[in-house]
Amino acid sequence: MKALKGLVAFLGLLLVVGLGLLGYGLYSKTHVKGAGTPVTASTSWTAPPAEFGTVQVPLPAGTRIEQMVASGDRVVLRLAGGGPDRLLVIDPGLGRVAGAFVFTPEPAAR
């Protein structure tokens, strides 16, 4: 019975110490050391770019936008029709096409 009481006391002590370490870890992650100000989700905020006007993105006739997804600071368009399927990567901050992925089928093996 003494061993069981000792084990329960030891585990209770471990629980208290663990919660204390967890609290300290959370506190140290949310505050900059020495500054005392909380860290935000995005610490490297930049001002919005100057207006870039209208950007023309030439597409072959018959091309349609199948899907549009924002990924970080880029917009990815999935295009179909008017040729092989492709992904067009646009940088809206700079107002230009950043690149494209064109999917071409491999020739069939004989």
N, C-alpha and C. Protein backbone atom coordinates (compact mmCIF):
# COMPACT_ATOMS: atom_id res chain seq x y z
N MET A 1 0.83 -1.20 0.00
CA MET A 1 0.00 0.00 0.00
C MET A 1 0.87 1.26 0.00
N LYS A 2 2.00 1.21 0.72
CA LYS A 2 2.91 2.36 0.74
C LYS A 2 3.47 2.63 -0.65
N ALA A 3 3.78 1.57 -1.38
CA ALA A 3 4.34 1.73 -2.73
C ALA A 3 3.32 2.39 -3.66
N LEU A 4 2.05 2.02 -3.54
CA LEU A 4 1.00 2.60 -4.37
C LEU A 4 0.82 4.09 -4.05
N LYS A 5 0.84 4.45 -2.77
CA LYS A 5 0.73 5.86 -2.38
C LYS A 5 1.92 6.65 -2.91
N GLY A 6 3.09 6.08 -2.83
CA GLY A 6 4.30 6.74 -3.34
C GLY A 6 4.22 6.95 -4.85
N LEU A 7 3.71 5.92 -5.56
CA LEU A 7 3.57 6.02 -7.00
C LEU A 7 2.57 7.12 -7.39
N VAL A 8 1.44 7.17 -6.70
CA VAL A 8 0.43 8.20 -6.97
C VAL A 8 1.00 9.60 -6.69
N ALA A 9 1.75 9.77 -5.62
CA ALA A 9 2.34 11.06 -5.30
C ALA A 9 3.37 11.45 -6.36
N PHE A 10 4.17 10.49 -6.79
CA PHE A 10 5.18 10.76 -7.82
C PHE A 10 4.53 11.16 -9.14
N LEU A 11 3.50 10.45 -9.55
CA LEU A 11 2.81 10.78 -10.80
C LEU A 11 2.11 12.13 -10.70
N GLY A 12 1.56 12.46 -9.54
CA GLY A 12 0.95 13.77 -9.35
C GLY A 12 1.98 14.88 -9.49
N LEU A 13 3.16 14.65 -8.91
CA LEU A 13 4.24 15.62 -9.01
C LEU A 13 4.68 15.78 -10.47
N LEU A 14 4.79 14.68 -11.20
CA LEU A 14 5.14 14.75 -12.62
C LEU A 14 4.10 15.53 -13.42
N LEU A 15 2.84 15.35 -13.08
CA LEU A 15 1.76 16.07 -13.75
C LEU A 15 1.88 17.57 -13.52
N VAL A 16 2.12 17.98 -12.31
CA VAL A 16 2.25 19.40 -11.98
C VAL A 16 3.47 20.00 -12.67
N VAL A 17 4.60 19.29 -12.64
CA VAL A 17 5.81 19.78 -13.30
C VAL A 17 5.60 19.87 -14.82
N GLY A 18 4.96 18.88 -15.40
CA GLY A 18 4.69 18.88 -16.84
C GLY A 18 3.80 20.04 -17.26
N LEU A 19 2.76 20.31 -16.48
CA LEU A 19 1.89 21.45 -16.79
C LEU A 19 2.64 22.77 -16.65
N GLY A 20 3.52 22.85 -15.67
CA GLY A 20 4.33 24.06 -15.51
C GLY A 20 5.25 24.27 -16.70
N LEU A 21 5.89 23.21 -17.17
CA LEU A 21 6.76 23.32 -18.34
C LEU A 21 5.97 23.66 -19.61
N LEU A 22 4.79 23.11 -19.74
CA LEU A 22 3.93 23.43 -20.88
C LEU A 22 3.54 24.91 -20.86
N GLY A 23 3.16 25.42 -19.71
CA GLY A 23 2.82 26.84 -19.58
C GLY A 23 4.00 27.74 -19.91
N TYR A 24 5.18 27.37 -19.42
CA TYR A 24 6.38 28.16 -19.72
C TYR A 24 6.70 28.13 -21.21
N GLY A 25 6.56 26.97 -21.83
CA GLY A 25 6.82 26.86 -23.27
C GLY A 25 5.88 27.70 -24.09
N LEU A 26 4.59 27.68 -23.74
CA LEU A 26 3.62 28.50 -24.46
C LEU A 26 3.90 29.98 -24.27
N TYR A 27 4.26 30.37 -23.05
CA TYR A 27 4.56 31.76 -22.77
C TYR A 27 5.79 32.22 -23.56
N SER A 28 6.83 31.41 -23.59
CA SER A 28 8.06 31.81 -24.28
C SER A 28 7.89 31.83 -25.80
N LYS A 29 6.98 31.05 -26.35
CA LYS A 29 6.75 31.06 -27.79
C LYS A 29 5.91 32.26 -28.23
N THR A 30 5.09 32.81 -27.36
CA THR A 30 4.21 33.91 -27.75
C THR A 30 4.80 35.28 -27.44
N HIS A 31 5.95 35.36 -26.83
CA HIS A 31 6.56 36.64 -26.52
C HIS A 31 7.99 36.67 -27.03
N VAL A 32 8.37 37.82 -27.63
CA VAL A 32 9.73 38.01 -28.08
C VAL A 32 10.58 38.25 -26.84
N LYS A 33 11.68 37.58 -26.74
CA LYS A 33 12.54 37.73 -25.57
C LYS A 33 13.08 39.16 -25.51
N GLY A 34 12.88 39.80 -24.39
CA GLY A 34 13.39 41.15 -24.16
C GLY A 34 12.44 42.25 -24.59
N ALA A 35 11.58 42.01 -25.57
CA ALA A 35 10.70 43.07 -26.05
C ALA A 35 9.38 43.09 -25.30
N GLY A 36 8.89 41.92 -24.89
CA GLY A 36 7.64 41.84 -24.16
C GLY A 36 6.41 42.02 -25.03
N THR A 37 6.57 42.00 -26.36
CA THR A 37 5.43 42.13 -27.25
C THR A 37 5.14 40.78 -27.88
N PRO A 38 3.86 40.46 -28.05
CA PRO A 38 3.54 39.17 -28.63
C PRO A 38 3.96 39.07 -30.10
N VAL A 39 4.30 37.87 -30.51
CA VAL A 39 4.66 37.61 -31.90
C VAL A 39 3.38 37.33 -32.67
N THR A 40 3.22 37.97 -33.81
CA THR A 40 2.03 37.73 -34.62
C THR A 40 2.28 36.58 -35.58
N ALA A 41 1.22 36.14 -36.26
CA ALA A 41 1.34 35.02 -37.19
C ALA A 41 2.26 35.36 -38.34
N SER A 42 2.22 36.58 -38.83
CA SER A 42 3.08 37.00 -39.93
C SER A 42 3.95 38.15 -39.45
N THR A 43 5.20 37.86 -39.13
CA THR A 43 6.09 38.89 -38.61
C THR A 43 6.74 39.70 -39.71
N SER A 44 6.69 39.23 -40.96
CA SER A 44 7.34 39.96 -42.05
C SER A 44 6.28 40.55 -42.98
N TRP A 45 5.48 41.46 -42.47
CA TRP A 45 4.43 42.09 -43.26
C TRP A 45 5.06 43.13 -44.16
N THR A 46 4.63 43.16 -45.42
CA THR A 46 5.11 44.18 -46.34
C THR A 46 3.92 45.00 -46.82
N ALA A 47 4.19 46.21 -47.19
CA ALA A 47 3.12 47.09 -47.68
C ALA A 47 2.58 46.55 -49.00
N PRO A 48 1.31 46.79 -49.28
CA PRO A 48 0.77 46.32 -50.56
C PRO A 48 1.49 47.00 -51.72
N PRO A 49 1.67 46.28 -52.83
CA PRO A 49 2.39 46.86 -53.96
C PRO A 49 1.58 47.97 -54.61
N ALA A 50 2.26 48.77 -55.37
CA ALA A 50 1.58 49.83 -56.11
C ALA A 50 0.62 49.20 -57.11
N GLU A 51 -0.40 49.93 -57.44
CA GLU A 51 -1.39 49.42 -58.39
C GLU A 51 -0.71 49.15 -59.73
N PHE A 52 -1.01 48.00 -60.33
CA PHE A 52 -0.34 47.63 -61.58
C PHE A 52 -1.26 47.71 -62.79
N GLY A 53 -2.50 48.08 -62.60
CA GLY A 53 -3.41 48.24 -63.72
C GLY A 53 -3.96 46.92 -64.23
N THR A 54 -4.20 46.83 -65.53
CA THR A 54 -4.75 45.63 -66.14
C THR A 54 -3.64 44.81 -66.76
N VAL A 55 -3.63 43.52 -66.48
CA VAL A 55 -2.63 42.61 -67.02
C VAL A 55 -3.30 41.70 -68.03
N GLN A 56 -2.80 41.66 -69.24
CA GLN A 56 -3.33 40.79 -70.28
C GLN A 56 -2.62 39.44 -70.19
N VAL A 57 -3.38 38.35 -70.08
CA VAL A 57 -2.83 37.00 -70.08
C VAL A 57 -3.36 36.30 -71.31
N PRO A 58 -2.53 36.17 -72.35
CA PRO A 58 -3.01 35.55 -73.58
C PRO A 58 -3.25 34.05 -73.41
N LEU A 59 -4.41 33.58 -73.86
CA LEU A 59 -4.75 32.17 -73.81
C LEU A 59 -5.22 31.74 -75.19
N PRO A 60 -4.92 30.51 -75.60
CA PRO A 60 -5.41 30.03 -76.89
C PRO A 60 -6.93 30.01 -76.93
N ALA A 61 -7.50 30.13 -78.12
CA ALA A 61 -8.95 30.10 -78.28
C ALA A 61 -9.49 28.76 -77.78
N GLY A 62 -10.61 28.78 -77.11
CA GLY A 62 -11.22 27.56 -76.58
C GLY A 62 -10.73 27.17 -75.20
N THR A 63 -9.82 27.94 -74.62
CA THR A 63 -9.32 27.64 -73.28
C THR A 63 -10.32 28.10 -72.25
N ARG A 64 -10.51 27.30 -71.23
CA ARG A 64 -11.42 27.68 -70.14
C ARG A 64 -10.71 27.43 -68.80
N ILE A 65 -11.05 28.24 -67.83
CA ILE A 65 -10.49 28.08 -66.48
C ILE A 65 -11.32 27.02 -65.76
N GLU A 66 -10.67 25.91 -65.42
CA GLU A 66 -11.34 24.81 -64.74
C GLU A 66 -11.35 25.02 -63.22
N GLN A 67 -10.28 25.60 -62.70
CA GLN A 67 -10.17 25.78 -61.25
C GLN A 67 -9.20 26.92 -60.97
N MET A 68 -9.45 27.63 -59.86
CA MET A 68 -8.56 28.69 -59.43
C MET A 68 -8.31 28.51 -57.94
N VAL A 69 -7.03 28.50 -57.53
CA VAL A 69 -6.66 28.27 -56.14
C VAL A 69 -5.61 29.30 -55.73
N ALA A 70 -5.81 29.93 -54.58
CA ALA A 70 -4.80 30.83 -54.02
C ALA A 70 -3.86 29.99 -53.18
N SER A 71 -2.57 30.12 -53.44
CA SER A 71 -1.55 29.36 -52.72
C SER A 71 -0.45 30.31 -52.28
N GLY A 72 -0.47 30.69 -51.01
CA GLY A 72 0.50 31.66 -50.52
C GLY A 72 0.27 33.00 -51.18
N ASP A 73 1.31 33.55 -51.82
CA ASP A 73 1.17 34.83 -52.50
C ASP A 73 1.00 34.65 -54.01
N ARG A 74 0.61 33.46 -54.44
CA ARG A 74 0.38 33.15 -55.86
C ARG A 74 -1.03 32.67 -56.08
N VAL A 75 -1.51 32.79 -57.30
CA VAL A 75 -2.80 32.24 -57.71
C VAL A 75 -2.51 31.23 -58.81
N VAL A 76 -3.05 30.02 -58.66
CA VAL A 76 -2.82 28.96 -59.65
C VAL A 76 -4.13 28.72 -60.39
N LEU A 77 -4.07 28.81 -61.71
CA LEU A 77 -5.24 28.55 -62.56
C LEU A 77 -5.03 27.23 -63.28
N ARG A 78 -6.03 26.35 -63.24
CA ARG A 78 -5.99 25.11 -64.01
C ARG A 78 -6.78 25.36 -65.28
N LEU A 79 -6.10 25.29 -66.41
CA LEU A 79 -6.69 25.60 -67.70
C LEU A 79 -6.87 24.33 -68.52
N ALA A 80 -7.97 24.24 -69.25
CA ALA A 80 -8.24 23.09 -70.11
C ALA A 80 -8.80 23.60 -71.43
N GLY A 81 -8.65 22.79 -72.47
CA GLY A 81 -9.14 23.15 -73.78
C GLY A 81 -8.16 24.06 -74.50
N GLY A 82 -8.29 24.14 -75.81
CA GLY A 82 -7.40 25.01 -76.58
C GLY A 82 -5.97 24.52 -76.60
N GLY A 83 -5.75 23.23 -76.43
CA GLY A 83 -4.40 22.67 -76.39
C GLY A 83 -4.27 21.76 -75.18
N PRO A 84 -3.04 21.44 -74.79
CA PRO A 84 -2.87 20.55 -73.63
C PRO A 84 -3.30 21.24 -72.33
N ASP A 85 -3.70 20.45 -71.36
CA ASP A 85 -4.05 21.01 -70.05
C ASP A 85 -2.79 21.63 -69.44
N ARG A 86 -3.00 22.66 -68.65
CA ARG A 86 -1.86 23.35 -68.06
C ARG A 86 -2.25 24.07 -66.77
N LEU A 87 -1.23 24.39 -65.98
CA LEU A 87 -1.38 25.20 -64.77
C LEU A 87 -0.67 26.52 -65.03
N LEU A 88 -1.35 27.60 -64.77
CA LEU A 88 -0.79 28.93 -64.94
C LEU A 88 -0.63 29.54 -63.56
N VAL A 89 0.59 29.94 -63.21
CA VAL A 89 0.88 30.51 -61.90
C VAL A 89 1.01 32.02 -62.05
N ILE A 90 0.17 32.75 -61.31
CA ILE A 90 0.13 34.20 -61.42
C ILE A 90 0.56 34.82 -60.09
N ASP A 91 1.37 35.86 -60.16
CA ASP A 91 1.78 36.62 -58.98
C ASP A 91 0.97 37.91 -58.96
N PRO A 92 -0.14 37.95 -58.19
CA PRO A 92 -0.98 39.16 -58.22
C PRO A 92 -0.29 40.36 -57.59
N GLY A 93 0.68 40.15 -56.72
CA GLY A 93 1.38 41.27 -56.10
C GLY A 93 2.20 42.05 -57.11
N LEU A 94 2.78 41.35 -58.09
CA LEU A 94 3.58 42.01 -59.12
C LEU A 94 2.79 42.24 -60.40
N GLY A 95 1.61 41.60 -60.51
CA GLY A 95 0.78 41.76 -61.69
C GLY A 95 1.35 41.10 -62.93
N ARG A 96 1.89 39.88 -62.76
CA ARG A 96 2.48 39.20 -63.91
C ARG A 96 2.31 37.69 -63.77
N VAL A 97 2.50 37.00 -64.89
CA VAL A 97 2.48 35.54 -64.89
C VAL A 97 3.84 35.07 -64.39
N ALA A 98 3.85 34.28 -63.31
CA ALA A 98 5.10 33.80 -62.73
C ALA A 98 5.63 32.58 -63.47
N GLY A 99 4.75 31.78 -64.06
CA GLY A 99 5.20 30.60 -64.79
C GLY A 99 4.02 29.74 -65.17
N ALA A 100 4.32 28.65 -65.87
CA ALA A 100 3.26 27.75 -66.32
C ALA A 100 3.79 26.33 -66.36
N PHE A 101 2.90 25.39 -66.13
CA PHE A 101 3.19 23.97 -66.27
C PHE A 101 2.29 23.45 -67.38
N VAL A 102 2.88 22.93 -68.45
CA VAL A 102 2.12 22.39 -69.57
C VAL A 102 2.24 20.88 -69.52
N PHE A 103 1.10 20.20 -69.54
CA PHE A 103 1.07 18.74 -69.45
C PHE A 103 0.94 18.16 -70.85
N THR A 104 2.00 17.54 -71.32
CA THR A 104 1.99 16.92 -72.64
C THR A 104 2.06 15.41 -72.47
N PRO A 105 1.22 14.67 -73.19
CA PRO A 105 1.25 13.22 -73.06
C PRO A 105 2.49 12.62 -73.69
N GLU A 106 3.00 11.58 -73.06
CA GLU A 106 4.14 10.87 -73.63
C GLU A 106 3.65 9.99 -74.77
N PRO A 107 4.49 9.73 -75.76
CA PRO A 107 4.06 8.83 -76.82
C PRO A 107 3.82 7.43 -76.28
N ALA A 108 2.83 6.76 -76.83
CA ALA A 108 2.49 5.41 -76.37
C ALA A 108 3.62 4.45 -76.69
N ALA A 109 3.89 3.55 -75.75
CA ALA A 109 4.92 2.52 -75.97
C ALA A 109 4.39 1.48 -76.93
N ARG A 110 5.25 0.99 -77.82
CA ARG A 110 4.81 0.00 -78.82
C ARG A 110 5.05 -1.38 -78.35
